[in-house]
Amino acid sequence: MTAQEDDSRDFVLEIRVKVPKGLMELAQRTLKDAMDVAGDVAKIGRQVVSGKSSEPEKPKVKKMEIK
């Protein structure tokens, strides 16, 4: 498989979380953060595989505060 074929593939991330109703907002924020991280990882991987970047860019770090 070549790098060009790899670029056309989809990345699938499935996360299932069961939470009480009161924690739904927290679960939604956590899921969004996880999806953002997965997207950053896929982007860096594609850059390295395609040779566009010899050094991958550093992903943005998000801090989450639980009250």
N, C-alpha and C. Protein backbone atom coordinates (compact mmCIF):
# COMPACT_ATOMS: atom_id res chain seq x y z
N MET A 1 0.85 -1.18 0.00
CA MET A 1 0.00 0.00 0.00
C MET A 1 0.89 1.24 0.00
N THR A 2 0.60 2.18 -0.87
CA THR A 2 1.43 3.38 -0.96
C THR A 2 0.87 4.48 -0.08
N ALA A 3 1.66 5.53 0.09
CA ALA A 3 1.22 6.66 0.93
C ALA A 3 -0.03 7.31 0.35
N GLN A 4 -0.13 7.36 -1.00
CA GLN A 4 -1.30 7.97 -1.61
C GLN A 4 -2.56 7.17 -1.28
N GLU A 5 -2.47 5.85 -1.28
CA GLU A 5 -3.62 5.03 -0.93
C GLU A 5 -3.97 5.21 0.54
N ASP A 6 -2.96 5.33 1.40
CA ASP A 6 -3.21 5.53 2.83
C ASP A 6 -3.97 6.83 3.08
N ASP A 7 -3.64 7.89 2.34
CA ASP A 7 -4.28 9.19 2.55
C ASP A 7 -5.78 9.15 2.29
N SER A 8 -6.23 8.24 1.43
CA SER A 8 -7.65 8.20 1.10
C SER A 8 -8.46 7.36 2.08
N ARG A 9 -7.80 6.67 3.01
CA ARG A 9 -8.52 5.82 3.95
C ARG A 9 -9.11 6.65 5.09
N ASP A 10 -10.22 6.18 5.60
CA ASP A 10 -10.86 6.84 6.74
C ASP A 10 -10.33 6.23 8.03
N PHE A 11 -10.27 7.06 9.06
CA PHE A 11 -9.90 6.60 10.39
C PHE A 11 -11.17 6.56 11.22
N VAL A 12 -11.40 5.45 11.90
CA VAL A 12 -12.62 5.28 12.69
C VAL A 12 -12.24 5.13 14.15
N LEU A 13 -12.85 5.96 14.99
CA LEU A 13 -12.66 5.87 16.43
C LEU A 13 -14.03 5.74 17.06
N GLU A 14 -14.26 4.66 17.77
CA GLU A 14 -15.56 4.45 18.41
C GLU A 14 -15.33 4.35 19.91
N ILE A 15 -16.02 5.21 20.65
CA ILE A 15 -15.92 5.21 22.11
C ILE A 15 -17.34 5.14 22.66
N ARG A 16 -17.57 4.19 23.56
CA ARG A 16 -18.89 4.07 24.20
C ARG A 16 -18.70 4.33 25.69
N VAL A 17 -19.53 5.25 26.21
CA VAL A 17 -19.44 5.61 27.62
C VAL A 17 -20.85 5.62 28.20
N LYS A 18 -21.02 4.94 29.33
CA LYS A 18 -22.32 4.94 30.02
C LYS A 18 -22.16 5.77 31.29
N VAL A 19 -22.94 6.85 31.39
CA VAL A 19 -22.80 7.76 32.52
C VAL A 19 -24.19 8.14 33.05
N PRO A 20 -24.26 8.53 34.33
CA PRO A 20 -25.51 9.05 34.87
C PRO A 20 -25.89 10.35 34.16
N LYS A 21 -27.16 10.72 34.21
CA LYS A 21 -27.64 11.91 33.50
C LYS A 21 -26.86 13.16 33.87
N GLY A 22 -26.51 13.32 35.14
CA GLY A 22 -25.81 14.52 35.58
C GLY A 22 -24.41 14.68 35.02
N LEU A 23 -23.83 13.58 34.54
CA LEU A 23 -22.47 13.64 34.01
C LEU A 23 -22.44 13.70 32.48
N MET A 24 -23.60 13.83 31.85
CA MET A 24 -23.65 13.82 30.38
C MET A 24 -22.82 14.95 29.76
N GLU A 25 -22.90 16.14 30.32
CA GLU A 25 -22.13 17.26 29.78
C GLU A 25 -20.63 16.98 29.84
N LEU A 26 -20.17 16.45 30.96
CA LEU A 26 -18.76 16.09 31.11
C LEU A 26 -18.37 15.03 30.09
N ALA A 27 -19.22 14.05 29.89
CA ALA A 27 -18.93 12.99 28.92
C ALA A 27 -18.84 13.55 27.50
N GLN A 28 -19.71 14.49 27.17
CA GLN A 28 -19.69 15.08 25.84
C GLN A 28 -18.40 15.88 25.62
N ARG A 29 -17.97 16.65 26.64
CA ARG A 29 -16.72 17.41 26.51
C ARG A 29 -15.53 16.46 26.38
N THR A 30 -15.53 15.38 27.17
CA THR A 30 -14.45 14.41 27.12
C THR A 30 -14.38 13.74 25.76
N LEU A 31 -15.53 13.38 25.22
CA LEU A 31 -15.58 12.75 23.90
C LEU A 31 -15.07 13.71 22.83
N LYS A 32 -15.47 14.97 22.91
CA LYS A 32 -15.00 15.96 21.93
C LYS A 32 -13.48 16.10 22.01
N ASP A 33 -12.93 16.16 23.22
CA ASP A 33 -11.48 16.25 23.39
C ASP A 33 -10.78 15.02 22.82
N ALA A 34 -11.35 13.84 23.07
CA ALA A 34 -10.76 12.60 22.55
C ALA A 34 -10.77 12.60 21.02
N MET A 35 -11.84 13.08 20.44
CA MET A 35 -11.93 13.14 18.98
C MET A 35 -10.94 14.14 18.42
N ASP A 36 -10.75 15.27 19.10
CA ASP A 36 -9.76 16.26 18.67
C ASP A 36 -8.35 15.66 18.68
N VAL A 37 -8.03 14.93 19.75
CA VAL A 37 -6.72 14.29 19.87
C VAL A 37 -6.54 13.25 18.76
N ALA A 38 -7.57 12.44 18.53
CA ALA A 38 -7.49 11.43 17.47
C ALA A 38 -7.26 12.08 16.11
N GLY A 39 -7.92 13.20 15.87
CA GLY A 39 -7.73 13.94 14.61
C GLY A 39 -6.31 14.45 14.48
N ASP A 40 -5.75 14.98 15.58
CA ASP A 40 -4.37 15.47 15.56
C ASP A 40 -3.39 14.32 15.28
N VAL A 41 -3.62 13.18 15.89
CA VAL A 41 -2.75 12.01 15.68
C VAL A 41 -2.81 11.57 14.22
N ALA A 42 -4.00 11.50 13.66
CA ALA A 42 -4.15 11.10 12.25
C ALA A 42 -3.46 12.09 11.33
N LYS A 43 -3.60 13.38 11.61
CA LYS A 43 -2.98 14.42 10.78
C LYS A 43 -1.46 14.29 10.81
N ILE A 44 -0.89 14.12 12.00
CA ILE A 44 0.56 13.97 12.14
C ILE A 44 1.03 12.71 11.42
N GLY A 45 0.28 11.62 11.57
CA GLY A 45 0.63 10.37 10.90
C GLY A 45 0.64 10.53 9.39
N ARG A 46 -0.34 11.21 8.83
CA ARG A 46 -0.39 11.42 7.38
C ARG A 46 0.78 12.28 6.92
N GLN A 47 1.16 13.30 7.70
CA GLN A 47 2.29 14.16 7.34
C GLN A 47 3.57 13.35 7.28
N VAL A 48 3.79 12.50 8.26
CA VAL A 48 5.02 11.71 8.33
C VAL A 48 5.05 10.69 7.20
N VAL A 49 3.93 9.99 6.96
CA VAL A 49 3.87 8.96 5.91
C VAL A 49 4.07 9.59 4.54
N SER A 50 3.48 10.75 4.31
CA SER A 50 3.58 11.38 2.99
C SER A 50 4.92 12.08 2.78
N GLY A 51 5.70 12.22 3.83
CA GLY A 51 7.00 12.87 3.70
C GLY A 51 6.93 14.38 3.69
N LYS A 52 5.78 14.94 3.98
CA LYS A 52 5.63 16.40 3.98
C LYS A 52 6.31 17.03 5.19
N SER A 53 6.53 16.25 6.21
CA SER A 53 7.10 16.78 7.44
C SER A 53 8.08 15.75 8.00
N SER A 54 9.35 16.16 8.14
CA SER A 54 10.31 15.24 8.73
C SER A 54 10.13 15.18 10.23
N GLU A 55 9.69 16.27 10.82
CA GLU A 55 9.39 16.32 12.24
C GLU A 55 7.93 16.69 12.40
N PRO A 56 7.13 15.82 13.00
CA PRO A 56 5.71 16.15 13.16
C PRO A 56 5.51 17.35 14.07
N GLU A 57 4.49 18.15 13.75
CA GLU A 57 4.19 19.29 14.61
C GLU A 57 3.62 18.79 15.93
N LYS A 58 3.89 19.55 16.97
CA LYS A 58 3.41 19.14 18.30
C LYS A 58 1.92 19.41 18.41
N PRO A 59 1.15 18.43 18.91
CA PRO A 59 -0.29 18.65 19.07
C PRO A 59 -0.56 19.65 20.20
N LYS A 60 -1.69 20.32 20.09
CA LYS A 60 -2.08 21.26 21.13
C LYS A 60 -2.55 20.49 22.36
N VAL A 61 -2.11 20.92 23.52
CA VAL A 61 -2.49 20.25 24.76
C VAL A 61 -3.66 21.01 25.37
N LYS A 62 -4.72 20.27 25.68
CA LYS A 62 -5.89 20.90 26.30
C LYS A 62 -5.98 20.43 27.74
N LYS A 63 -6.21 21.38 28.62
CA LYS A 63 -6.41 21.04 30.03
C LYS A 63 -7.90 21.09 30.31
N MET A 64 -8.36 20.10 31.06
CA MET A 64 -9.77 20.03 31.38
C MET A 64 -9.92 20.04 32.90
N GLU A 65 -10.74 20.93 33.38
CA GLU A 65 -10.95 21.05 34.82
C GLU A 65 -12.30 20.45 35.17
N ILE A 66 -12.31 19.56 36.13
CA ILE A 66 -13.56 18.95 36.60
C ILE A 66 -13.93 19.60 37.92
N LYS A 67 -15.12 20.19 37.95
CA LYS A 67 -15.56 20.89 39.17
C LYS A 67 -16.44 19.99 39.99
